[in-house]
């Protein structure tokens, strides 16, 4: 299971890196941007896990995540329909 997740992450990482480099960002800055994104991504995972385990906030966390998911999806659809 761990190998599958790791290989999946490496594919996404290399794809994002290729997009950064092809858009004109130098390799060093692209690696810095990827590192920045992944550090904060893992910090968010750890924070969410600690909050859900230590406090009884699971219902609130699910509500916020579902709201953000719907908002981002609907905002993307509205911006595409206006174009």
PDB file of N, CA and C in Angstrom:
ATOM      1  N   UNK A   1       0.826  -1.191   0.000  1.00  0.00           N
ATOM      2  CA  UNK A   1       0.000   0.000   0.000  1.00  0.00           C
ATOM      3  C   UNK A   1       0.874   1.260   0.000  1.00  0.00           C
ATOM      4  N   UNK A   2       1.909   1.239   0.836  1.00  0.00           N
ATOM      5  CA  UNK A   2       2.781   2.409   0.919  1.00  0.00           C
ATOM      6  C   UNK A   2       3.488   2.663  -0.404  1.00  0.00           C
ATOM      7  N   UNK A   3       3.958   1.579  -1.051  1.00  0.00           N
ATOM      8  CA  UNK A   3       4.636   1.746  -2.343  1.00  0.00           C
ATOM      9  C   UNK A   3       3.717   2.349  -3.391  1.00  0.00           C
ATOM     10  N   UNK A   4       2.473   1.929  -3.389  1.00  0.00           N
ATOM     11  CA  UNK A   4       1.510   2.447  -4.357  1.00  0.00           C
ATOM     12  C   UNK A   4       1.303   3.934  -4.158  1.00  0.00           C
ATOM     13  N   UNK A   5       1.130   4.354  -2.922  1.00  0.00           N
ATOM     14  CA  UNK A   5       0.946   5.783  -2.627  1.00  0.00           C
ATOM     15  C   UNK A   5       2.197   6.578  -2.989  1.00  0.00           C
ATOM     16  N   UNK A   6       3.357   6.030  -2.679  1.00  0.00           N
ATOM     17  CA  UNK A   6       4.602   6.725  -2.985  1.00  0.00           C
ATOM     18  C   UNK A   6       4.792   6.897  -4.486  1.00  0.00           C
ATOM     19  N   UNK A   7       4.534   5.847  -5.246  1.00  0.00           N
ATOM     20  CA  UNK A   7       4.678   5.933  -6.696  1.00  0.00           C
ATOM     21  C   UNK A   7       3.671   6.919  -7.279  1.00  0.00           C
ATOM     22  N   UNK A   8       2.450   6.923  -6.751  1.00  0.00           N
ATOM     23  CA  UNK A   8       1.443   7.871  -7.206  1.00  0.00           C
ATOM     24  C   UNK A   8       1.885   9.302  -6.933  1.00  0.00           C
ATOM     25  N   UNK A   9       2.437   9.562  -5.763  1.00  0.00           N
ATOM     26  CA  UNK A   9       2.900  10.907  -5.423  1.00  0.00           C
ATOM     27  C   UNK A   9       4.063  11.317  -6.326  1.00  0.00           C
ATOM     28  N   UNK A  10       4.945  10.385  -6.638  1.00  0.00           N
ATOM     29  CA  UNK A  10       6.082  10.711  -7.500  1.00  0.00           C
ATOM     30  C   UNK A  10       5.624  11.082  -8.906  1.00  0.00           C
ATOM     31  N   UNK A  11       4.581  10.423  -9.404  1.00  0.00           N
ATOM     32  CA  UNK A  11       4.051  10.760 -10.723  1.00  0.00           C
ATOM     33  C   UNK A  11       3.477  12.172 -10.710  1.00  0.00           C
ATOM     34  N   UNK A  12       2.698  12.494  -9.679  1.00  0.00           N
ATOM     35  CA  UNK A  12       2.135  13.843  -9.580  1.00  0.00           C
ATOM     36  C   UNK A  12       3.236  14.891  -9.407  1.00  0.00           C
ATOM     37  N   UNK A  13       4.239  14.559  -8.606  1.00  0.00           N
ATOM     38  CA  UNK A  13       5.352  15.481  -8.373  1.00  0.00           C
ATOM     39  C   UNK A  13       6.104  15.767  -9.664  1.00  0.00           C
ATOM     40  N   UNK A  14       6.401  14.736 -10.433  1.00  0.00           N
ATOM     41  CA  UNK A  14       7.145  14.958 -11.673  1.00  0.00           C
ATOM     42  C   UNK A  14       6.299  15.719 -12.690  1.00  0.00           C
ATOM     43  N   UNK A  15       4.984  15.483 -12.701  1.00  0.00           N
ATOM     44  CA  UNK A  15       4.113  16.220 -13.607  1.00  0.00           C
ATOM     45  C   UNK A  15       4.043  17.693 -13.259  1.00  0.00           C
ATOM     46  N   UNK A  16       3.909  17.998 -11.977  1.00  0.00           N
ATOM     47  CA  UNK A  16       3.886  19.393 -11.543  1.00  0.00           C
ATOM     48  C   UNK A  16       5.208  20.076 -11.814  1.00  0.00           C
ATOM     49  N   UNK A  17       6.296  19.364 -11.585  1.00  0.00           N
ATOM     50  CA  UNK A  17       7.617  19.915 -11.864  1.00  0.00           C
ATOM     51  C   UNK A  17       7.773  20.214 -13.351  1.00  0.00           C
ATOM     52  N   UNK A  18       7.304  19.317 -14.201  1.00  0.00           N
ATOM     53  CA  UNK A  18       7.391  19.539 -15.649  1.00  0.00           C
ATOM     54  C   UNK A  18       6.566  20.747 -16.079  1.00  0.00           C
ATOM     55  N   UNK A  19       5.398  20.931 -15.470  1.00  0.00           N
ATOM     56  CA  UNK A  19       4.577  22.107 -15.783  1.00  0.00           C
ATOM     57  C   UNK A  19       5.292  23.386 -15.375  1.00  0.00           C
ATOM     58  N   UNK A  20       5.891  23.389 -14.200  1.00  0.00           N
ATOM     59  CA  UNK A  20       6.623  24.577 -13.750  1.00  0.00           C
ATOM     60  C   UNK A  20       7.774  24.907 -14.695  1.00  0.00           C
ATOM     61  N   UNK A  21       8.554  23.899 -15.044  1.00  0.00           N
ATOM     62  CA  UNK A  21       9.720  24.129 -15.897  1.00  0.00           C
ATOM     63  C   UNK A  21       9.291  24.555 -17.299  1.00  0.00           C
ATOM     64  N   UNK A  22       8.237  23.934 -17.836  1.00  0.00           N
ATOM     65  CA  UNK A  22       7.799  24.300 -19.185  1.00  0.00           C
ATOM     66  C   UNK A  22       7.161  25.687 -19.229  1.00  0.00           C
ATOM     67  N   UNK A  23       6.715  26.193 -18.086  1.00  0.00           N
ATOM     68  CA  UNK A  23       6.154  27.542 -18.075  1.00  0.00           C
ATOM     69  C   UNK A  23       7.224  28.615 -17.914  1.00  0.00           C
ATOM     70  N   UNK A  24       8.485  28.215 -17.818  1.00  0.00           N
ATOM     71  CA  UNK A  24       9.571  29.179 -17.802  1.00  0.00           C
ATOM     72  C   UNK A  24      10.230  29.393 -16.449  1.00  0.00           C
ATOM     73  N   UNK A  25       9.812  28.667 -15.434  1.00  0.00           N
ATOM     74  CA  UNK A  25      10.418  28.804 -14.115  1.00  0.00           C
ATOM     75  C   UNK A  25      11.698  27.977 -14.094  1.00  0.00           C
ATOM     76  N   UNK A  26      12.763  28.527 -13.536  1.00  0.00           N
ATOM     77  CA  UNK A  26      14.022  27.781 -13.477  1.00  0.00           C
ATOM     78  C   UNK A  26      13.861  26.573 -12.548  1.00  0.00           C
ATOM     79  N   UNK A  27      14.728  25.583 -12.725  1.00  0.00           N
ATOM     80  CA  UNK A  27      14.606  24.334 -11.977  1.00  0.00           C
ATOM     81  C   UNK A  27      14.704  24.539 -10.473  1.00  0.00           C
ATOM     82  N   UNK A  28      15.587  25.395 -10.056  1.00  0.00           N
ATOM     83  CA  UNK A  28      15.773  25.623  -8.618  1.00  0.00           C
ATOM     84  C   UNK A  28      14.526  26.236  -7.993  1.00  0.00           C
ATOM     85  N   UNK A  29      13.931  27.210  -8.675  1.00  0.00           N
ATOM     86  CA  UNK A  29      12.720  27.834  -8.155  1.00  0.00           C
ATOM     87  C   UNK A  29      11.551  26.855  -8.188  1.00  0.00           C
ATOM     88  N   UNK A  30      11.472  26.007  -9.226  1.00  0.00           N
ATOM     89  CA  UNK A  30      10.415  25.000  -9.308  1.00  0.00           C
ATOM     90  C   UNK A  30      10.516  24.012  -8.150  1.00  0.00           C
ATOM     91  N   UNK A  31      11.732  23.575  -7.828  1.00  0.00           N
ATOM     92  CA  UNK A  31      11.912  22.680  -6.689  1.00  0.00           C
ATOM     93  C   UNK A  31      11.549  23.365  -5.377  1.00  0.00           C
ATOM     94  N   UNK A  32      11.870  24.649  -5.262  1.00  0.00           N
ATOM     95  CA  UNK A  32      11.492  25.402  -4.072  1.00  0.00           C
ATOM     96  C   UNK A  32       9.983  25.523  -3.924  1.00  0.00           C
ATOM     97  N   UNK A  33       9.298  25.787  -5.027  1.00  0.00           N
ATOM     98  CA  UNK A  33       7.840  25.883  -4.984  1.00  0.00           C
ATOM     99  C   UNK A  33       7.212  24.542  -4.614  1.00  0.00           C
ATOM    100  N   UNK A  34       7.724  23.464  -5.188  1.00  0.00           N
ATOM    101  CA  UNK A  34       7.202  22.136  -4.848  1.00  0.00           C
ATOM    102  C   UNK A  34       7.447  21.804  -3.380  1.00  0.00           C
ATOM    103  N   UNK A  35       8.625  22.124  -2.886  1.00  0.00           N
ATOM    104  CA  UNK A  35       8.935  21.866  -1.475  1.00  0.00           C
ATOM    105  C   UNK A  35       8.005  22.665  -0.570  1.00  0.00           C
ATOM    106  N   UNK A  36       7.787  23.925  -0.909  1.00  0.00           N
ATOM    107  CA  UNK A  36       6.890  24.787  -0.140  1.00  0.00           C
ATOM    108  C   UNK A  36       5.482  24.193  -0.088  1.00  0.00           C
ATOM    109  N   UNK A  37       4.981  23.759  -1.232  1.00  0.00           N
ATOM    110  CA  UNK A  37       3.633  23.184  -1.300  1.00  0.00           C
ATOM    111  C   UNK A  37       3.533  21.905  -0.480  1.00  0.00           C
ATOM    112  N   UNK A  38       4.507  21.023  -0.601  1.00  0.00           N
ATOM    113  CA  UNK A  38       4.430  19.752   0.097  1.00  0.00           C
ATOM    114  C   UNK A  38       4.643  19.888   1.593  1.00  0.00           C
ATOM    115  N   UNK A  39       5.474  20.818   2.032  1.00  0.00           N
ATOM    116  CA  UNK A  39       5.654  21.029   3.466  1.00  0.00           C
ATOM    117  C   UNK A  39       4.348  21.486   4.099  1.00  0.00           C
ATOM    118  N   UNK A  40       3.672  22.448   3.468  1.00  0.00           N
ATOM    119  CA  UNK A  40       2.416  22.922   4.030  1.00  0.00           C
ATOM    120  C   UNK A  40       1.298  21.895   3.870  1.00  0.00           C
ATOM    121  N   UNK A  41       1.373  21.071   2.854  1.00  0.00           N
ATOM    122  CA  UNK A  41       0.388  20.001   2.693  1.00  0.00           C
ATOM    123  C   UNK A  41       0.497  19.003   3.841  1.00  0.00           C
ATOM    124  N   UNK A  42       1.691  18.572   4.150  1.00  0.00           N
ATOM    125  CA  UNK A  42       1.879  17.629   5.249  1.00  0.00           C
ATOM    126  C   UNK A  42       1.586  18.282   6.595  1.00  0.00           C
ATOM    127  N   UNK A  43       1.888  19.565   6.742  1.00  0.00           N
ATOM    128  CA  UNK A  43       1.541  20.269   7.977  1.00  0.00           C
ATOM    129  C   UNK A  43       0.023  20.291   8.164  1.00  0.00           C
ATOM    130  N   UNK A  44      -0.720  20.475   7.081  1.00  0.00           N
ATOM    131  CA  UNK A  44      -2.178  20.447   7.154  1.00  0.00           C
ATOM    132  C   UNK A  44      -2.713  19.080   7.524  1.00  0.00           C
ATOM    133  N   UNK A  45      -2.097  18.040   6.988  1.00  0.00           N
ATOM    134  CA  UNK A  45      -2.521  16.672   7.324  1.00  0.00           C
ATOM    135  C   UNK A  45      -2.279  16.390   8.806  1.00  0.00           C
ATOM    136  N   UNK A  46      -1.126  16.777   9.286  1.00  0.00           N
ATOM    137  CA  UNK A  46      -0.801  16.540  10.698  1.00  0.00           C
ATOM    138  C   UNK A  46      -1.719  17.355  11.599  1.00  0.00           C
ATOM    139  N   UNK A  47      -1.963  18.616  11.252  1.00  0.00           N
ATOM    140  CA  UNK A  47      -2.855  19.456  12.046  1.00  0.00           C
ATOM    141  C   UNK A  47      -4.264  18.880  12.075  1.00  0.00           C
ATOM    142  N   UNK A  48      -4.771  18.461  10.929  1.00  0.00           N
ATOM    143  CA  UNK A  48      -6.103  17.862  10.876  1.00  0.00           C
ATOM    144  C   UNK A  48      -6.191  16.584  11.685  1.00  0.00           C
ATOM    145  N   UNK A  49      -5.171  15.753  11.608  1.00  0.00           N
ATOM    146  CA  UNK A  49      -5.169  14.502  12.368  1.00  0.00           C
ATOM    147  C   UNK A  49      -5.131  14.768  13.865  1.00  0.00           C
ATOM    148  N   UNK A  50      -4.321  15.731  14.277  1.00  0.00           N
ATOM    149  CA  UNK A  50      -4.255  16.059  15.702  1.00  0.00           C
ATOM    150  C   UNK A  50      -5.549  16.669  16.211  1.00  0.00           C
ATOM    151  N   UNK A  51      -6.154  17.554  15.431  1.00  0.00           N
ATOM    152  CA  UNK A  51      -7.413  18.163  15.852  1.00  0.00           C
ATOM    153  C   UNK A  51      -8.538  17.136  15.931  1.00  0.00           C
ATOM    154  N   UNK A  52      -8.590  16.235  14.978  1.00  0.00           N
ATOM    155  CA  UNK A  52      -9.675  15.257  14.996  1.00  0.00           C
ATOM    156  C   UNK A  52      -9.482  14.210  16.084  1.00  0.00           C
ATOM    157  N   UNK A  53      -8.234  13.956  16.463  1.00  0.00           N
ATOM    158  CA  UNK A  53      -7.979  12.950  17.487  1.00  0.00           C
ATOM    159  C   UNK A  53      -8.103  13.519  18.893  1.00  0.00           C
ATOM    160  N   UNK A  54      -7.653  14.746  19.103  1.00  0.00           N
ATOM    161  CA  UNK A  54      -7.629  15.283  20.459  1.00  0.00           C
ATOM    162  C   UNK A  54      -8.949  15.946  20.854  1.00  0.00           C
ATOM    163  N   UNK A  55      -9.594  16.615  19.921  1.00  0.00           N
ATOM    164  CA  UNK A  55     -10.854  17.288  20.214  1.00  0.00           C
ATOM    165  C   UNK A  55     -11.987  16.573  19.498  1.00  0.00           C
ATOM    166  N   UNK A  56     -13.183  16.815  19.934  1.00  0.00           N
ATOM    167  CA  UNK A  56     -14.337  16.191  19.287  1.00  0.00           C
ATOM    168  C   UNK A  56     -14.856  17.130  18.200  1.00  0.00           C
ATOM    169  N   UNK A  57     -14.036  17.357  17.182  1.00  0.00           N
ATOM    170  CA  UNK A  57     -14.373  18.286  16.113  1.00  0.00           C
ATOM    171  C   UNK A  57     -14.580  17.602  14.772  1.00  0.00           C
ATOM    172  N   UNK A  58     -14.735  16.299  14.761  1.00  0.00           N
ATOM    173  CA  UNK A  58     -14.810  15.568  13.499  1.00  0.00           C
ATOM    174  C   UNK A  58     -15.952  16.059  12.618  1.00  0.00           C
ATOM    175  N   UNK A  59     -17.118  16.284  13.204  1.00  0.00           N
ATOM    176  CA  UNK A  59     -18.266  16.749  12.411  1.00  0.00           C
ATOM    177  C   UNK A  59     -17.992  18.125  11.821  1.00  0.00           C
ATOM    178  N   UNK A  60     -17.358  18.997  12.598  1.00  0.00           N
ATOM    179  CA  UNK A  60     -17.051  20.340  12.094  1.00  0.00           C
ATOM    180  C   UNK A  60     -16.008  20.296  10.986  1.00  0.00           C
ATOM    181  N   UNK A  61     -15.008  19.439  11.148  1.00  0.00           N
ATOM    182  CA  UNK A  61     -13.965  19.315  10.120  1.00  0.00           C
ATOM    183  C   UNK A  61     -14.572  18.811   8.821  1.00  0.00           C
ATOM    184  N   UNK A  62     -15.441  17.800   8.906  1.00  0.00           N
ATOM    185  CA  UNK A  62     -16.099  17.297   7.699  1.00  0.00           C
ATOM    186  C   UNK A  62     -16.974  18.360   7.053  1.00  0.00           C
ATOM    187  N   UNK A  63     -17.671  19.153   7.868  1.00  0.00           N
ATOM    188  CA  UNK A  63     -18.534  20.202   7.321  1.00  0.00           C
ATOM    189  C   UNK A  63     -17.717  21.264   6.594  1.00  0.00           C
ATOM    190  N   UNK A  64     -16.609  21.676   7.158  1.00  0.00           N
ATOM    191  CA  UNK A  64     -15.762  22.690   6.526  1.00  0.00           C
ATOM    192  C   UNK A  64     -15.156  22.148   5.232  1.00  0.00           C
ATOM    193  N   UNK A  65     -14.681  20.920   5.261  1.00  0.00           N
ATOM    194  CA  UNK A  65     -14.077  20.331   4.061  1.00  0.00           C
ATOM    195  C   UNK A  65     -15.124  20.175   2.955  1.00  0.00           C
ATOM    196  N   UNK A  66     -16.317  19.718   3.300  1.00  0.00           N
ATOM    197  CA  UNK A  66     -17.374  19.562   2.294  1.00  0.00           C
ATOM    198  C   UNK A  66     -17.762  20.926   1.720  1.00  0.00           C
ATOM    199  N   UNK A  67     -17.852  21.939   2.564  1.00  0.00           N
ATOM    200  CA  UNK A  67     -18.172  23.279   2.078  1.00  0.00           C
ATOM    201  C   UNK A  67     -17.113  23.821   1.146  1.00  0.00           C
ATOM    202  N   UNK A  68     -15.850  23.631   1.494  1.00  0.00           N
ATOM    203  CA  UNK A  68     -14.763  24.094   0.633  1.00  0.00           C
ATOM    204  C   UNK A  68     -14.769  23.341  -0.696  1.00  0.00           C
ATOM    205  N   UNK A  69     -15.016  22.042  -0.643  1.00  0.00           N
ATOM    206  CA  UNK A  69     -15.059  21.230  -1.856  1.00  0.00           C
ATOM    207  C   UNK A  69     -16.149  21.736  -2.791  1.00  0.00           C
ATOM    208  N   UNK A  70     -17.345  21.964  -2.253  1.00  0.00           N
ATOM    209  CA  UNK A  70     -18.448  22.456  -3.074  1.00  0.00           C
ATOM    210  C   UNK A  70     -18.179  23.858  -3.599  1.00  0.00           C
ATOM    211  N   UNK A  71     -17.641  24.733  -2.754  1.00  0.00           N
ATOM    212  CA  UNK A  71     -17.375  26.110  -3.168  1.00  0.00           C
ATOM    213  C   UNK A  71     -16.362  26.157  -4.308  1.00  0.00           C
ATOM    214  N   UNK A  72     -15.276  25.421  -4.171  1.00  0.00           N
ATOM    215  CA  UNK A  72     -14.237  25.438  -5.201  1.00  0.00           C
ATOM    216  C   UNK A  72     -14.779  24.860  -6.508  1.00  0.00           C
ATOM    217  N   UNK A  73     -15.519  23.760  -6.425  1.00  0.00           N
ATOM    218  CA  UNK A  73     -16.082  23.161  -7.634  1.00  0.00           C
ATOM    219  C   UNK A  73     -17.082  24.078  -8.320  1.00  0.00           C
ATOM    220  N   UNK A  74     -17.961  24.690  -7.545  1.00  0.00           N
ATOM    221  CA  UNK A  74     -18.959  25.580  -8.136  1.00  0.00           C
ATOM    222  C   UNK A  74     -18.321  26.861  -8.677  1.00  0.00           C
ATOM    223  N   UNK A  75     -17.336  27.390  -7.980  1.00  0.00           N
ATOM    224  CA  UNK A  75     -16.659  28.594  -8.465  1.00  0.00           C
ATOM    225  C   UNK A  75     -15.942  28.315  -9.787  1.00  0.00           C
ATOM    226  N   UNK A  76     -15.384  27.142  -9.927  1.00  0.00           N
ATOM    227  CA  UNK A  76     -14.721  26.761 -11.182  1.00  0.00           C
ATOM    228  C   UNK A  76     -15.739  26.643 -12.307  1.00  0.00           C
ATOM    229  N   UNK A  77     -16.896  26.062 -12.008  1.00  0.00           N
ATOM    230  CA  UNK A  77     -17.937  25.913 -13.037  1.00  0.00           C
ATOM    231  C   UNK A  77     -18.487  27.266 -13.466  1.00  0.00           C
ATOM    232  N   UNK A  78     -18.668  28.187 -12.533  1.00  0.00           N
ATOM    233  CA  UNK A  78     -19.203  29.504 -12.873  1.00  0.00           C
ATOM    234  C   UNK A  78     -18.207  30.277 -13.723  1.00  0.00           C
ATOM    235  N   UNK A  79     -16.926  30.196 -13.379  1.00  0.00           N
ATOM    236  CA  UNK A  79     -15.925  30.935 -14.159  1.00  0.00           C
ATOM    237  C   UNK A  79     -15.825  30.391 -15.587  1.00  0.00           C
ATOM    238  N   UNK A  80     -16.003  29.080 -15.764  1.00  0.00           N
ATOM    239  CA  UNK A  80     -15.954  28.501 -17.105  1.00  0.00           C
ATOM    240  C   UNK A  80     -17.209  28.815 -17.900  1.00  0.00           C
ATOM    241  N   UNK A  81     -18.361  28.927 -17.229  1.00  0.00           N
ATOM    242  CA  UNK A  81     -19.598  29.198 -17.957  1.00  0.00           C
ATOM    243  C   UNK A  81     -19.683  30.658 -18.414  1.00  0.00           C
ATOM    244  N   UNK A  82     -18.961  31.543 -17.743  1.00  0.00           N
ATOM    245  CA  UNK A  82     -18.975  32.960 -18.129  1.00  0.00           C
ATOM    246  C   UNK A  82     -18.008  33.261 -19.251  1.00  0.00           C
ATOM    247  N   UNK A  83     -17.090  32.383 -19.525  1.00  0.00           N
ATOM    248  CA  UNK A  83     -16.087  32.624 -20.561  1.00  0.00           C
ATOM    249  C   UNK A  83     -16.618  32.398 -21.949  1.00  0.00           C
TER     250      UNK A  83
END
